Amino acid sequence: MSCAAAPQRSLKAALLRPAVLLAAVLALSACGSSTGDRGLSGAGIGAAAGTALGAVTGLGIVEGALIGAGAGGLTGLLTDEDTIDLGDPWW
């Protein structure tokens, strides 16, 4: 009698949900009025988004995180508080 192997989730499926949740948490909590704050929060948001995109596109989660962190960090550093104004927080 043979035992059927339990179905295994792919690495992409296993990492997608946590990556999306992390991106949502970072997006909702990110803020900054100084250039450094915006650079750090932008890098965090970009890394989370890049990880999610890398997991689903086949680019790779590390490569996606690095590209996203670079893009998000640069966006935060090169903008000022008045350039990107999303308004008051919902809370």
PDB file of N, CA and C in Angstrom:
ATOM      1  N   MET A   1       0.842  -1.170   0.000  1.00  0.00           N
ATOM      2  CA  MET A   1       0.000   0.000   0.000  1.00  0.00           C
ATOM      3  C   MET A   1       0.893   1.241   0.000  1.00  0.00           C
ATOM      4  N   SER A   2       0.686   2.137  -0.927  1.00  0.00           N
ATOM      5  CA  SER A   2       1.509   3.333  -1.000  1.00  0.00           C
ATOM      6  C   SER A   2       0.749   4.528  -0.434  1.00  0.00           C
ATOM      7  N   CYS A   3       1.486   5.404   0.143  1.00  0.00           N
ATOM      8  CA  CYS A   3       0.893   6.622   0.701  1.00  0.00           C
ATOM      9  C   CYS A   3       1.092   7.745  -0.307  1.00  0.00           C
ATOM     10  N   ALA A   4       0.048   8.452  -0.554  1.00  0.00           N
ATOM     11  CA  ALA A   4       0.146   9.587  -1.467  1.00  0.00           C
ATOM     12  C   ALA A   4       0.853  10.731  -0.754  1.00  0.00           C
ATOM     13  N   ALA A   5       1.749  11.371  -1.462  1.00  0.00           N
ATOM     14  CA  ALA A   5       2.466  12.498  -0.867  1.00  0.00           C
ATOM     15  C   ALA A   5       1.524  13.681  -0.726  1.00  0.00           C
ATOM     16  N   ALA A   6       1.668  14.392   0.357  1.00  0.00           N
ATOM     17  CA  ALA A   6       0.846  15.583   0.568  1.00  0.00           C
ATOM     18  C   ALA A   6       1.237  16.626  -0.469  1.00  0.00           C
ATOM     19  N   PRO A   7       0.261  17.343  -0.993  1.00  0.00           N
ATOM     20  CA  PRO A   7       0.596  18.371  -1.985  1.00  0.00           C
ATOM     21  C   PRO A   7       1.460  19.447  -1.337  1.00  0.00           C
ATOM     22  N   GLN A   8       2.483  19.864  -2.057  1.00  0.00           N
ATOM     23  CA  GLN A   8       3.381  20.871  -1.531  1.00  0.00           C
ATOM     24  C   GLN A   8       3.153  22.184  -2.253  1.00  0.00           C
ATOM     25  N   ARG A   9       3.111  23.227  -1.466  1.00  0.00           N
ATOM     26  CA  ARG A   9       2.948  24.550  -2.039  1.00  0.00           C
ATOM     27  C   ARG A   9       4.278  25.001  -2.616  1.00  0.00           C
ATOM     28  N   SER A  10       4.207  25.705  -3.683  1.00  0.00           N
ATOM     29  CA  SER A  10       5.437  26.213  -4.273  1.00  0.00           C
ATOM     30  C   SER A  10       6.001  27.338  -3.401  1.00  0.00           C
ATOM     31  N   LEU A  11       7.258  27.622  -3.583  1.00  0.00           N
ATOM     32  CA  LEU A  11       7.900  28.684  -2.816  1.00  0.00           C
ATOM     33  C   LEU A  11       7.242  30.027  -3.093  1.00  0.00           C
ATOM     34  N   LYS A  12       6.861  30.248  -4.333  1.00  0.00           N
ATOM     35  CA  LYS A  12       6.193  31.503  -4.674  1.00  0.00           C
ATOM     36  C   LYS A  12       4.894  31.663  -3.902  1.00  0.00           C
ATOM     37  N   ALA A  13       4.081  30.608  -3.862  1.00  0.00           N
ATOM     38  CA  ALA A  13       2.809  30.677  -3.156  1.00  0.00           C
ATOM     39  C   ALA A  13       3.022  30.854  -1.659  1.00  0.00           C
ATOM     40  N   ALA A  14       4.055  30.232  -1.127  1.00  0.00           N
ATOM     41  CA  ALA A  14       4.319  30.331   0.304  1.00  0.00           C
ATOM     42  C   ALA A  14       4.794  31.727   0.699  1.00  0.00           C
ATOM     43  N   LEU A  15       5.474  32.418  -0.189  1.00  0.00           N
ATOM     44  CA  LEU A  15       6.006  33.740   0.127  1.00  0.00           C
ATOM     45  C   LEU A  15       5.106  34.893  -0.305  1.00  0.00           C
ATOM     46  N   LEU A  16       4.173  34.636  -1.165  1.00  0.00           N
ATOM     47  CA  LEU A  16       3.360  35.718  -1.706  1.00  0.00           C
ATOM     48  C   LEU A  16       2.500  36.382  -0.640  1.00  0.00           C
ATOM     49  N   ARG A  17       1.758  35.612   0.113  1.00  0.00           N
ATOM     50  CA  ARG A  17       0.860  36.203   1.109  1.00  0.00           C
ATOM     51  C   ARG A  17       1.626  37.011   2.154  1.00  0.00           C
ATOM     52  N   PRO A  18       2.686  36.477   2.774  1.00  0.00           N
ATOM     53  CA  PRO A  18       3.417  37.305   3.738  1.00  0.00           C
ATOM     54  C   PRO A  18       4.018  38.560   3.122  1.00  0.00           C
ATOM     55  N   ALA A  19       4.479  38.465   1.890  1.00  0.00           N
ATOM     56  CA  ALA A  19       5.066  39.639   1.238  1.00  0.00           C
ATOM     57  C   ALA A  19       4.019  40.714   0.992  1.00  0.00           C
ATOM     58  N   VAL A  20       2.846  40.314   0.561  1.00  0.00           N
ATOM     59  CA  VAL A  20       1.767  41.282   0.321  1.00  0.00           C
ATOM     60  C   VAL A  20       1.313  41.903   1.637  1.00  0.00           C
ATOM     61  N   LEU A  21       1.195  41.101   2.675  1.00  0.00           N
ATOM     62  CA  LEU A  21       0.800  41.634   3.979  1.00  0.00           C
ATOM     63  C   LEU A  21       1.854  42.601   4.521  1.00  0.00           C
ATOM     64  N   LEU A  22       3.116  42.258   4.357  1.00  0.00           N
ATOM     65  CA  LEU A  22       4.181  43.146   4.805  1.00  0.00           C
ATOM     66  C   LEU A  22       4.143  44.466   4.041  1.00  0.00           C
ATOM     67  N   ALA A  23       3.916  44.399   2.750  1.00  0.00           N
ATOM     68  CA  ALA A  23       3.828  45.621   1.951  1.00  0.00           C
ATOM     69  C   ALA A  23       2.668  46.495   2.413  1.00  0.00           C
ATOM     70  N   ALA A  24       1.538  45.880   2.713  1.00  0.00           N
ATOM     71  CA  ALA A  24       0.381  46.642   3.180  1.00  0.00           C
ATOM     72  C   ALA A  24       0.648  47.290   4.528  1.00  0.00           C
ATOM     73  N   VAL A  25       1.272  46.557   5.429  1.00  0.00           N
ATOM     74  CA  VAL A  25       1.586  47.107   6.746  1.00  0.00           C
ATOM     75  C   VAL A  25       2.553  48.273   6.621  1.00  0.00           C
ATOM     76  N   LEU A  26       3.591  48.099   5.823  1.00  0.00           N
ATOM     77  CA  LEU A  26       4.557  49.180   5.647  1.00  0.00           C
ATOM     78  C   LEU A  26       3.932  50.395   4.966  1.00  0.00           C
ATOM     79  N   ALA A  27       3.088  50.159   4.003  1.00  0.00           N
ATOM     80  CA  ALA A  27       2.449  51.274   3.305  1.00  0.00           C
ATOM     81  C   ALA A  27       1.535  52.060   4.238  1.00  0.00           C
ATOM     82  N   LEU A  28       0.862  51.348   5.126  1.00  0.00           N
ATOM     83  CA  LEU A  28      -0.043  52.031   6.042  1.00  0.00           C
ATOM     84  C   LEU A  28       0.677  52.721   7.183  1.00  0.00           C
ATOM     85  N   SER A  29       1.866  52.255   7.519  1.00  0.00           N
ATOM     86  CA  SER A  29       2.560  52.841   8.658  1.00  0.00           C
ATOM     87  C   SER A  29       3.680  53.795   8.259  1.00  0.00           C
ATOM     88  N   ALA A  30       4.002  53.851   6.996  1.00  0.00           N
ATOM     89  CA  ALA A  30       5.129  54.672   6.573  1.00  0.00           C
ATOM     90  C   ALA A  30       4.794  56.149   6.620  1.00  0.00           C
ATOM     91  N   CYS A  31       5.721  56.911   7.119  1.00  0.00           N
ATOM     92  CA  CYS A  31       5.551  58.359   7.126  1.00  0.00           C
ATOM     93  C   CYS A  31       6.921  58.980   7.250  1.00  0.00           C
ATOM     94  N   GLY A  32       6.989  60.255   7.129  1.00  0.00           N
ATOM     95  CA  GLY A  32       8.247  60.945   7.313  1.00  0.00           C
ATOM     96  C   GLY A  32       8.168  62.371   6.853  1.00  0.00           C
ATOM     97  N   SER A  33       8.674  63.245   7.688  1.00  0.00           N
ATOM     98  CA  SER A  33       8.705  64.640   7.281  1.00  0.00           C
ATOM     99  C   SER A  33      10.122  65.066   6.913  1.00  0.00           C
ATOM    100  N   SER A  34      11.124  64.313   7.356  1.00  0.00           N
ATOM    101  CA  SER A  34      12.492  64.645   6.968  1.00  0.00           C
ATOM    102  C   SER A  34      12.897  63.797   5.761  1.00  0.00           C
ATOM    103  N   THR A  35      13.941  64.220   5.100  1.00  0.00           N
ATOM    104  CA  THR A  35      14.427  63.499   3.927  1.00  0.00           C
ATOM    105  C   THR A  35      14.859  62.089   4.294  1.00  0.00           C
ATOM    106  N   GLY A  36      15.562  61.944   5.416  1.00  0.00           N
ATOM    107  CA  GLY A  36      16.008  60.623   5.856  1.00  0.00           C
ATOM    108  C   GLY A  36      14.860  59.694   6.186  1.00  0.00           C
ATOM    109  N   ASP A  37      13.827  60.236   6.860  1.00  0.00           N
ATOM    110  CA  ASP A  37      12.649  59.424   7.180  1.00  0.00           C
ATOM    111  C   ASP A  37      11.964  58.927   5.914  1.00  0.00           C
ATOM    112  N   ARG A  38      11.801  59.820   4.949  1.00  0.00           N
ATOM    113  CA  ARG A  38      11.156  59.425   3.699  1.00  0.00           C
ATOM    114  C   ARG A  38      11.997  58.426   2.933  1.00  0.00           C
ATOM    115  N   GLY A  39      13.317  58.582   2.979  1.00  0.00           N
ATOM    116  CA  GLY A  39      14.198  57.637   2.303  1.00  0.00           C
ATOM    117  C   GLY A  39      14.106  56.251   2.921  1.00  0.00           C
ATOM    118  N   LEU A  40      14.114  56.182   4.252  1.00  0.00           N
ATOM    119  CA  LEU A  40      14.025  54.885   4.920  1.00  0.00           C
ATOM    120  C   LEU A  40      12.667  54.224   4.731  1.00  0.00           C
ATOM    121  N   SER A  41      11.595  54.995   4.895  1.00  0.00           N
ATOM    122  CA  SER A  41      10.275  54.385   4.717  1.00  0.00           C
ATOM    123  C   SER A  41      10.043  54.016   3.253  1.00  0.00           C
ATOM    124  N   GLY A  42      10.548  54.821   2.335  1.00  0.00           N
ATOM    125  CA  GLY A  42      10.428  54.490   0.918  1.00  0.00           C
ATOM    126  C   GLY A  42      11.192  53.224   0.571  1.00  0.00           C
ATOM    127  N   ALA A  43      12.370  53.051   1.175  1.00  0.00           N
ATOM    128  CA  ALA A  43      13.151  51.846   0.930  1.00  0.00           C
ATOM    129  C   ALA A  43      12.430  50.614   1.486  1.00  0.00           C
ATOM    130  N   GLY A  44      11.824  50.753   2.647  1.00  0.00           N
ATOM    131  CA  GLY A  44      11.083  49.627   3.232  1.00  0.00           C
ATOM    132  C   GLY A  44       9.883  49.238   2.405  1.00  0.00           C
ATOM    133  N   ILE A  45       9.129  50.226   1.987  1.00  0.00           N
ATOM    134  CA  ILE A  45       7.953  49.961   1.158  1.00  0.00           C
ATOM    135  C   ILE A  45       8.384  49.368  -0.180  1.00  0.00           C
ATOM    136  N   GLY A  46       9.421  49.930  -0.769  1.00  0.00           N
ATOM    137  CA  GLY A  46       9.913  49.418  -2.044  1.00  0.00           C
ATOM    138  C   GLY A  46      10.433  47.996  -1.939  1.00  0.00           C
ATOM    139  N   ALA A  47      11.121  47.687  -0.841  1.00  0.00           N
ATOM    140  CA  ALA A  47      11.634  46.327  -0.651  1.00  0.00           C
ATOM    141  C   ALA A  47      10.489  45.330  -0.523  1.00  0.00           C
ATOM    142  N   ALA A  48       9.464  45.694   0.235  1.00  0.00           N
ATOM    143  CA  ALA A  48       8.323  44.790   0.390  1.00  0.00           C
ATOM    144  C   ALA A  48       7.597  44.586  -0.937  1.00  0.00           C
ATOM    145  N   ALA A  49       7.376  45.670  -1.651  1.00  0.00           N
ATOM    146  CA  ALA A  49       6.697  45.552  -2.941  1.00  0.00           C
ATOM    147  C   ALA A  49       7.562  44.788  -3.944  1.00  0.00           C
ATOM    148  N   GLY A  50       8.860  45.052  -3.933  1.00  0.00           N
ATOM    149  CA  GLY A  50       9.762  44.340  -4.831  1.00  0.00           C
ATOM    150  C   GLY A  50       9.831  42.854  -4.535  1.00  0.00           C
ATOM    151  N   THR A  51       9.777  42.494  -3.252  1.00  0.00           N
ATOM    152  CA  THR A  51       9.762  41.084  -2.866  1.00  0.00           C
ATOM    153  C   THR A  51       8.526  40.394  -3.420  1.00  0.00           C
ATOM    154  N   ALA A  52       7.387  41.048  -3.272  1.00  0.00           N
ATOM    155  CA  ALA A  52       6.140  40.466  -3.783  1.00  0.00           C
ATOM    156  C   ALA A  52       6.193  40.320  -5.305  1.00  0.00           C
ATOM    157  N   LEU A  53       6.650  41.346  -5.979  1.00  0.00           N
ATOM    158  CA  LEU A  53       6.729  41.272  -7.441  1.00  0.00           C
ATOM    159  C   LEU A  53       7.756  40.252  -7.893  1.00  0.00           C
ATOM    160  N   GLY A  54       8.876  40.197  -7.199  1.00  0.00           N
ATOM    161  CA  GLY A  54       9.890  39.214  -7.551  1.00  0.00           C
ATOM    162  C   GLY A  54       9.401  37.789  -7.376  1.00  0.00           C
ATOM    163  N   ALA A  55       8.571  37.565  -6.353  1.00  0.00           N
ATOM    164  CA  ALA A  55       8.051  36.222  -6.100  1.00  0.00           C
ATOM    165  C   ALA A  55       7.076  35.770  -7.181  1.00  0.00           C
ATOM    166  N   VAL A  56       6.292  36.681  -7.697  1.00  0.00           N
ATOM    167  CA  VAL A  56       5.285  36.279  -8.681  1.00  0.00           C
ATOM    168  C   VAL A  56       5.770  36.363 -10.126  1.00  0.00           C
ATOM    169  N   THR A  57       6.845  37.127 -10.367  1.00  0.00           N
ATOM    170  CA  THR A  57       7.309  37.272 -11.748  1.00  0.00           C
ATOM    171  C   THR A  57       8.463  36.349 -12.092  1.00  0.00           C
ATOM    172  N   GLY A  58       9.039  35.702 -11.113  1.00  0.00           N
ATOM    173  CA  GLY A  58      10.164  34.830 -11.392  1.00  0.00           C
ATOM    174  C   GLY A  58      11.500  35.545 -11.357  1.00  0.00           C
ATOM    175  N   LEU A  59      11.501  36.827 -11.071  1.00  0.00           N
ATOM    176  CA  LEU A  59      12.738  37.590 -10.974  1.00  0.00           C
ATOM    177  C   LEU A  59      13.570  37.096  -9.796  1.00  0.00           C
ATOM    178  N   GLY A  60      12.922  36.729  -8.734  1.00  0.00           N
ATOM    179  CA  GLY A  60      13.596  36.309  -7.513  1.00  0.00           C
ATOM    180  C   GLY A  60      13.295  37.295  -6.408  1.00  0.00           C
ATOM    181  N   ILE A  61      13.081  36.779  -5.207  1.00  0.00           N
ATOM    182  CA  ILE A  61      12.658  37.664  -4.122  1.00  0.00           C
ATOM    183  C   ILE A  61      13.779  38.596  -3.675  1.00  0.00           C
ATOM    184  N   VAL A  62      15.014  38.127  -3.684  1.00  0.00           N
ATOM    185  CA  VAL A  62      16.123  38.984  -3.254  1.00  0.00           C
ATOM    186  C   VAL A  62      16.362  40.095  -4.278  1.00  0.00           C
ATOM    187  N   GLU A  63      16.382  39.729  -5.543  1.00  0.00           N
ATOM    188  CA  GLU A  63      16.584  40.743  -6.582  1.00  0.00           C
ATOM    189  C   GLU A  63      15.444  41.758  -6.574  1.00  0.00           C
ATOM    190  N   GLY A  64      14.210  41.272  -6.435  1.00  0.00           N
ATOM    191  CA  GLY A  64      13.063  42.181  -6.377  1.00  0.00           C
ATOM    192  C   GLY A  64      13.139  43.121  -5.191  1.00  0.00           C
ATOM    193  N   ALA A  65      13.543  42.583  -4.037  1.00  0.00           N
ATOM    194  CA  ALA A  65      13.659  43.413  -2.835  1.00  0.00           C
ATOM    195  C   ALA A  65      14.733  44.476  -3.003  1.00  0.00           C
ATOM    196  N   LEU A  66      15.862  44.114  -3.582  1.00  0.00           N
ATOM    197  CA  LEU A  66      16.940  45.082  -3.780  1.00  0.00           C
ATOM    198  C   LEU A  66      16.547  46.187  -4.756  1.00  0.00           C
ATOM    199  N   ILE A  67      15.918  45.808  -5.856  1.00  0.00           N
ATOM    200  CA  ILE A  67      15.475  46.809  -6.835  1.00  0.00           C
ATOM    201  C   ILE A  67      14.411  47.711  -6.222  1.00  0.00           C
ATOM    202  N   GLY A  68      13.450  47.107  -5.522  1.00  0.00           N
ATOM    203  CA  GLY A  68      12.384  47.888  -4.899  1.00  0.00           C
ATOM    204  C   GLY A  68      12.904  48.825  -3.823  1.00  0.00           C
ATOM    205  N   ALA A  69      13.847  48.342  -2.995  1.00  0.00           N
ATOM    206  CA  ALA A  69      14.413  49.189  -1.945  1.00  0.00           C
ATOM    207  C   ALA A  69      15.164  50.371  -2.551  1.00  0.00           C
ATOM    208  N   GLY A  70      15.913  50.117  -3.620  1.00  0.00           N
ATOM    209  CA  GLY A  70      16.623  51.202  -4.277  1.00  0.00           C
ATOM    210  C   GLY A  70      15.685  52.245  -4.863  1.00  0.00           C
ATOM    211  N   ALA A  71      14.665  51.769  -5.550  1.00  0.00           N
ATOM    212  CA  ALA A  71      13.708  52.698  -6.174  1.00  0.00           C
ATOM    213  C   ALA A  71      12.923  53.471  -5.118  1.00  0.00           C
ATOM    214  N   GLY A  72      12.462  52.775  -4.086  1.00  0.00           N
ATOM    215  CA  GLY A  72      11.695  53.450  -3.043  1.00  0.00           C
ATOM    216  C   GLY A  72      12.538  54.414  -2.231  1.00  0.00           C
ATOM    217  N   GLY A  73      13.773  54.000  -1.914  1.00  0.00           N
ATOM    218  CA  GLY A  73      14.660  54.880  -1.168  1.00  0.00           C
ATOM    219  C   GLY A  73      15.006  56.136  -1.936  1.00  0.00           C
ATOM    220  N   LEU A  74      15.304  55.989  -3.217  1.00  0.00           N
ATOM    221  CA  LEU A  74      15.606  57.162  -4.049  1.00  0.00           C
ATOM    222  C   LEU A  74      14.399  58.081  -4.177  1.00  0.00           C
ATOM    223  N   THR A  75      13.224  57.491  -4.317  1.00  0.00           N
ATOM    224  CA  THR A  75      12.023  58.317  -4.405  1.00  0.00           C
ATOM    225  C   THR A  75      11.842  59.137  -3.138  1.00  0.00           C
ATOM    226  N   GLY A  76      12.052  58.501  -1.984  1.00  0.00           N
ATOM    227  CA  GLY A  76      11.925  59.215  -0.723  1.00  0.00           C
ATOM    228  C   GLY A  76      12.976  60.295  -0.548  1.00  0.00           C
ATOM    229  N   LEU A  77      14.204  60.007  -0.977  1.00  0.00           N
ATOM    230  CA  LEU A  77      15.281  60.980  -0.817  1.00  0.00           C
ATOM    231  C   LEU A  77      15.175  62.151  -1.783  1.00  0.00           C
ATOM    232  N   LEU A  78      14.639  61.909  -2.976  1.00  0.00           N
ATOM    233  CA  LEU A  78      14.601  62.946  -4.000  1.00  0.00           C
ATOM    234  C   LEU A  78      13.326  63.778  -4.003  1.00  0.00           C
ATOM    235  N   THR A  79      12.427  63.489  -3.093  1.00  0.00           N
ATOM    236  CA  THR A  79      11.190  64.265  -3.002  1.00  0.00           C
ATOM    237  C   THR A  79      11.145  64.981  -1.661  1.00  0.00           C
ATOM    238  N   ASP A  80      10.342  66.009  -1.587  1.00  0.00           N
ATOM    239  CA  ASP A  80      10.148  66.652  -0.297  1.00  0.00           C
ATOM    240  C   ASP A  80       8.717  66.447   0.173  1.00  0.00           C
ATOM    241  N   GLU A  81       8.446  66.918   1.365  1.00  0.00           N
ATOM    242  CA  GLU A  81       7.151  66.657   1.990  1.00  0.00           C
ATOM    243  C   GLU A  81       5.977  67.192   1.171  1.00  0.00           C
ATOM    244  N   ASP A  82       6.194  68.277   0.457  1.00  0.00           N
ATOM    245  CA  ASP A  82       5.120  68.876  -0.328  1.00  0.00           C
ATOM    246  C   ASP A  82       4.950  68.238  -1.699  1.00  0.00           C
ATOM    247  N   THR A  83       5.953  67.531  -2.190  1.00  0.00           N
ATOM    248  CA  THR A  83       5.877  66.923  -3.515  1.00  0.00           C
ATOM    249  C   THR A  83       4.862  65.789  -3.546  1.00  0.00           C
ATOM    250  N   ILE A  84       4.934  64.921  -2.580  1.00  0.00           N
ATOM    251  CA  ILE A  84       4.020  63.790  -2.491  1.00  0.00           C
ATOM    252  C   ILE A  84       3.201  63.951  -1.227  1.00  0.00           C
ATOM    253  N   ASP A  85       1.984  64.442  -1.362  1.00  0.00           N
ATOM    254  CA  ASP A  85       1.118  64.676  -0.213  1.00  0.00           C
ATOM    255  C   ASP A  85      -0.128  63.826  -0.379  1.00  0.00           C
ATOM    256  N   LEU A  86      -0.219  62.780   0.412  1.00  0.00           N
ATOM    257  CA  LEU A  86      -1.386  61.895   0.336  1.00  0.00           C
ATOM    258  C   LEU A  86      -2.518  62.332   1.245  1.00  0.00           C
ATOM    259  N   GLY A  87      -2.369  63.491   1.860  1.00  0.00           N
ATOM    260  CA  GLY A  87      -3.419  63.999   2.725  1.00  0.00           C
ATOM    261  C   GLY A  87      -3.283  63.464   4.144  1.00  0.00           C
ATOM    262  N   ASP A  88      -4.272  63.781   4.938  1.00  0.00           N
ATOM    263  CA  ASP A  88      -4.279  63.313   6.323  1.00  0.00           C
ATOM    264  C   ASP A  88      -4.544  61.826   6.379  1.00  0.00           C
ATOM    265  N   PRO A  89      -3.954  61.141   7.349  1.00  0.00           N
ATOM    266  CA  PRO A  89      -4.242  59.716   7.494  1.00  0.00           C
ATOM    267  C   PRO A  89      -5.703  59.479   7.866  1.00  0.00           C
ATOM    268  N   TRP A  90      -6.196  58.320   7.532  1.00  0.00           N
ATOM    269  CA  TRP A  90      -7.613  58.023   7.783  1.00  0.00           C
ATOM    270  C   TRP A  90      -7.914  57.948   9.262  1.00  0.00           C
ATOM    271  N   TRP A  91      -6.915  57.717  10.101  1.00  0.00           N
ATOM    272  CA  TRP A  91      -7.190  57.610  11.528  1.00  0.00           C
ATOM    273  C   TRP A  91      -7.120  58.959  12.158  1.00  0.00           C
TER     274      TRP A  91
END
